[in-house]
N, C-alpha and C. Protein backbone atom coordinates (compact mmCIF):
# COMPACT_ATOMS: atom_id res chain seq x y z
N MET A 1 14.73 82.19 67.85
CA MET A 1 15.10 83.24 66.91
C MET A 1 15.58 84.46 67.69
N THR A 2 16.68 85.04 67.28
CA THR A 2 17.25 86.20 67.93
C THR A 2 16.79 87.47 67.24
N GLU A 3 16.34 88.43 68.05
CA GLU A 3 15.94 89.71 67.49
C GLU A 3 17.17 90.59 67.35
N VAL A 4 17.31 91.20 66.19
CA VAL A 4 18.43 92.10 65.92
C VAL A 4 17.86 93.47 65.62
N LYS A 5 18.37 94.48 66.30
CA LYS A 5 17.92 95.85 66.05
C LYS A 5 19.02 96.60 65.32
N ILE A 6 18.64 97.22 64.23
CA ILE A 6 19.56 98.00 63.42
C ILE A 6 19.19 99.47 63.60
N HIS A 7 20.16 100.28 63.95
CA HIS A 7 19.92 101.71 64.14
C HIS A 7 20.68 102.47 63.07
N ILE A 8 19.93 103.12 62.16
CA ILE A 8 20.53 103.97 61.14
C ILE A 8 19.85 105.32 61.25
N ARG A 9 20.63 106.32 61.62
CA ARG A 9 20.08 107.66 61.82
C ARG A 9 20.44 108.54 60.62
N PRO A 10 19.47 109.32 60.10
CA PRO A 10 19.76 110.22 58.99
C PRO A 10 20.74 111.32 59.39
N ASN A 11 21.68 111.60 58.50
CA ASN A 11 22.64 112.68 58.71
C ASN A 11 23.13 113.12 57.34
N ARG A 12 22.80 114.34 56.96
CA ARG A 12 23.14 114.86 55.62
C ARG A 12 24.64 115.10 55.42
N ASN A 13 25.43 115.01 56.48
CA ASN A 13 26.88 115.20 56.35
C ASN A 13 27.61 113.92 55.95
N VAL A 14 26.93 112.79 55.97
CA VAL A 14 27.55 111.52 55.56
C VAL A 14 27.45 111.44 54.03
N PRO A 15 28.54 111.09 53.36
CA PRO A 15 28.49 110.98 51.89
C PRO A 15 27.42 109.97 51.44
N ILE A 16 26.81 110.25 50.32
CA ILE A 16 25.79 109.36 49.77
C ILE A 16 26.40 107.99 49.50
N ALA A 17 25.60 106.95 49.80
CA ALA A 17 25.97 105.53 49.62
C ALA A 17 27.02 105.06 50.62
N LYS A 18 27.22 105.82 51.68
CA LYS A 18 28.18 105.45 52.74
C LYS A 18 27.46 105.42 54.08
N PHE A 19 28.04 104.71 55.03
CA PHE A 19 27.54 104.64 56.39
C PHE A 19 28.69 105.00 57.32
N SER A 20 28.37 105.73 58.39
CA SER A 20 29.36 106.10 59.39
C SER A 20 28.88 105.63 60.75
N PRO A 21 29.80 105.29 61.64
CA PRO A 21 29.40 104.94 63.01
C PRO A 21 28.69 106.13 63.66
N ASP A 22 27.66 105.86 64.42
CA ASP A 22 26.91 106.91 65.11
C ASP A 22 27.54 107.13 66.49
N PRO A 23 28.07 108.31 66.76
CA PRO A 23 28.70 108.55 68.05
C PRO A 23 27.70 108.59 69.21
N ASN A 24 26.41 108.74 68.90
CA ASN A 24 25.38 108.84 69.94
C ASN A 24 24.70 107.52 70.25
N ILE A 25 24.80 106.53 69.37
CA ILE A 25 24.13 105.24 69.56
C ILE A 25 25.18 104.14 69.40
N PRO A 26 25.58 103.50 70.49
CA PRO A 26 26.56 102.41 70.38
C PRO A 26 26.07 101.32 69.42
N GLY A 27 26.90 100.98 68.46
CA GLY A 27 26.53 99.98 67.46
C GLY A 27 25.65 100.52 66.35
N GLY A 28 25.27 101.78 66.43
CA GLY A 28 24.42 102.39 65.41
C GLY A 28 25.23 103.03 64.30
N HIS A 29 24.54 103.42 63.26
CA HIS A 29 25.18 104.05 62.11
C HIS A 29 24.41 105.27 61.68
N MET A 30 25.05 106.10 60.90
CA MET A 30 24.42 107.27 60.28
C MET A 30 24.58 107.13 58.77
N ALA A 31 23.60 107.66 58.05
CA ALA A 31 23.65 107.65 56.59
C ALA A 31 22.86 108.85 56.08
N HIS A 32 23.21 109.30 54.90
CA HIS A 32 22.47 110.38 54.25
C HIS A 32 21.03 109.91 54.04
N PRO A 33 20.03 110.76 54.19
CA PRO A 33 18.63 110.34 53.99
C PRO A 33 18.38 109.70 52.61
N GLN A 34 19.07 110.17 51.59
CA GLN A 34 18.93 109.60 50.25
C GLN A 34 19.45 108.16 50.23
N THR A 35 20.50 107.88 50.97
CA THR A 35 21.04 106.53 51.08
C THR A 35 20.04 105.61 51.77
N ILE A 36 19.46 106.09 52.85
CA ILE A 36 18.48 105.29 53.59
C ILE A 36 17.27 104.98 52.71
N LYS A 37 16.82 105.94 51.95
CA LYS A 37 15.67 105.75 51.04
C LYS A 37 15.99 104.69 49.99
N ALA A 38 17.20 104.70 49.45
CA ALA A 38 17.57 103.79 48.36
C ALA A 38 17.88 102.37 48.83
N LEU A 39 18.17 102.21 50.11
CA LEU A 39 18.61 100.92 50.65
C LEU A 39 17.49 99.88 50.64
N LYS A 40 17.81 98.65 50.23
CA LYS A 40 16.86 97.54 50.35
C LYS A 40 16.71 97.21 51.82
N LYS A 41 15.54 97.37 52.36
CA LYS A 41 15.33 97.17 53.80
C LYS A 41 15.48 95.70 54.19
N GLU A 42 15.20 94.78 53.28
CA GLU A 42 15.29 93.35 53.61
C GLU A 42 16.72 92.89 53.89
N ILE A 43 17.72 93.61 53.41
CA ILE A 43 19.10 93.18 53.70
C ILE A 43 19.45 93.37 55.17
N LEU A 44 18.68 94.20 55.86
CA LEU A 44 18.94 94.43 57.28
C LEU A 44 18.46 93.28 58.14
N THR A 45 17.62 92.41 57.59
CA THR A 45 17.05 91.32 58.37
C THR A 45 17.53 89.95 57.91
N GLN A 46 18.35 89.90 56.87
CA GLN A 46 18.82 88.62 56.34
C GLN A 46 20.30 88.46 56.62
N ARG A 47 20.73 87.23 56.79
CA ARG A 47 22.16 86.94 56.94
C ARG A 47 22.70 86.57 55.55
N ILE A 48 23.43 87.49 54.98
CA ILE A 48 23.94 87.32 53.62
C ILE A 48 25.44 87.58 53.64
N ASN A 49 26.19 86.76 52.92
CA ASN A 49 27.62 87.01 52.75
C ASN A 49 27.77 87.90 51.53
N PHE A 50 27.82 89.21 51.76
CA PHE A 50 27.79 90.17 50.67
C PHE A 50 29.02 90.12 49.78
N GLU A 51 30.17 89.82 50.32
CA GLU A 51 31.39 89.82 49.52
C GLU A 51 31.33 88.80 48.38
N ASP A 52 30.60 87.70 48.58
CA ASP A 52 30.53 86.66 47.57
C ASP A 52 29.41 86.89 46.56
N ASP A 53 28.61 87.93 46.75
CA ASP A 53 27.43 88.13 45.91
C ASP A 53 27.43 89.49 45.23
N PHE A 54 28.60 90.05 44.93
CA PHE A 54 28.68 91.35 44.27
C PHE A 54 28.00 91.28 42.92
N ARG A 55 27.02 92.17 42.72
CA ARG A 55 26.28 92.22 41.46
C ARG A 55 26.34 93.65 40.92
N PRO A 56 27.36 93.96 40.13
CA PRO A 56 27.52 95.35 39.65
C PRO A 56 26.40 95.75 38.69
N TYR A 57 26.03 97.01 38.79
CA TYR A 57 25.00 97.59 37.93
C TYR A 57 25.42 99.03 37.66
N THR A 58 25.39 99.44 36.41
CA THR A 58 25.68 100.83 36.05
C THR A 58 24.36 101.57 35.91
N CYS A 59 24.17 102.60 36.72
CA CYS A 59 22.95 103.38 36.68
C CYS A 59 22.80 104.02 35.31
N LYS A 60 21.62 103.89 34.75
CA LYS A 60 21.37 104.43 33.41
C LYS A 60 21.35 105.95 33.39
N LYS A 61 21.04 106.56 34.53
CA LYS A 61 20.93 108.02 34.59
C LYS A 61 22.27 108.69 34.93
N CYS A 62 22.90 108.27 36.04
CA CYS A 62 24.11 108.97 36.49
C CYS A 62 25.41 108.22 36.19
N LYS A 63 25.27 106.97 35.73
CA LYS A 63 26.41 106.14 35.32
C LYS A 63 27.28 105.64 36.49
N GLU A 64 26.84 105.83 37.73
CA GLU A 64 27.56 105.29 38.88
C GLU A 64 27.40 103.77 38.88
N ILE A 65 28.44 103.07 39.29
CA ILE A 65 28.37 101.62 39.42
C ILE A 65 28.01 101.31 40.86
N ILE A 66 26.93 100.54 41.02
CA ILE A 66 26.45 100.18 42.35
C ILE A 66 26.28 98.66 42.43
N ASP A 67 26.13 98.17 43.63
CA ASP A 67 25.92 96.74 43.86
C ASP A 67 24.43 96.49 44.04
N LEU A 68 23.83 95.75 43.13
CA LEU A 68 22.38 95.52 43.14
C LEU A 68 21.87 94.87 44.41
N GLN A 69 22.70 94.15 45.13
CA GLN A 69 22.22 93.47 46.32
C GLN A 69 21.81 94.44 47.43
N PHE A 70 22.23 95.70 47.35
CA PHE A 70 21.96 96.67 48.42
C PHE A 70 20.85 97.67 48.12
N TRP A 71 20.56 97.93 46.84
CA TRP A 71 19.78 99.11 46.50
C TRP A 71 18.49 98.82 45.73
N ASN A 72 17.41 99.54 46.10
CA ASN A 72 16.16 99.57 45.33
C ASN A 72 16.18 100.70 44.31
N LEU A 73 16.90 101.77 44.68
CA LEU A 73 17.08 102.94 43.83
C LEU A 73 18.57 103.23 43.77
N CYS A 74 18.99 103.96 42.78
CA CYS A 74 20.39 104.40 42.77
C CYS A 74 20.56 105.36 43.94
N PRO A 75 21.50 105.10 44.84
CA PRO A 75 21.66 105.99 45.98
C PRO A 75 22.21 107.38 45.60
N PHE A 76 22.78 107.51 44.42
CA PHE A 76 23.37 108.76 44.01
C PHE A 76 22.37 109.71 43.35
N CYS A 77 21.47 109.17 42.52
CA CYS A 77 20.53 110.02 41.79
C CYS A 77 19.06 109.65 42.01
N GLU A 78 18.81 108.58 42.75
CA GLU A 78 17.48 108.07 43.07
C GLU A 78 16.70 107.52 41.86
N GLU A 79 17.43 107.21 40.80
CA GLU A 79 16.80 106.57 39.63
C GLU A 79 16.35 105.16 40.00
N LYS A 80 15.16 104.79 39.58
CA LYS A 80 14.65 103.44 39.84
C LYS A 80 15.51 102.43 39.09
N ILE A 81 15.83 101.34 39.77
CA ILE A 81 16.63 100.28 39.17
C ILE A 81 15.68 99.30 38.51
N ASN A 82 15.95 98.97 37.26
CA ASN A 82 15.06 98.04 36.52
C ASN A 82 15.32 96.63 36.93
């Protein structure tokens, strides 16, 4: 089994629900703290073909459309996803 390390550093300048390359960590990324909080942590350890599994969900609170495969909370308003 191969160990994979994922580096995501909080940065409030990155737009919510987006990831940017981290200039300080090769192969690392930056994300808004709210994005990191909302992200399903298990997707970082699983090999999933995300393009084939798009599951749209409209947030009941903010009405943003998100992909359920990525989020435990709405990354835009932090509303719990049912």
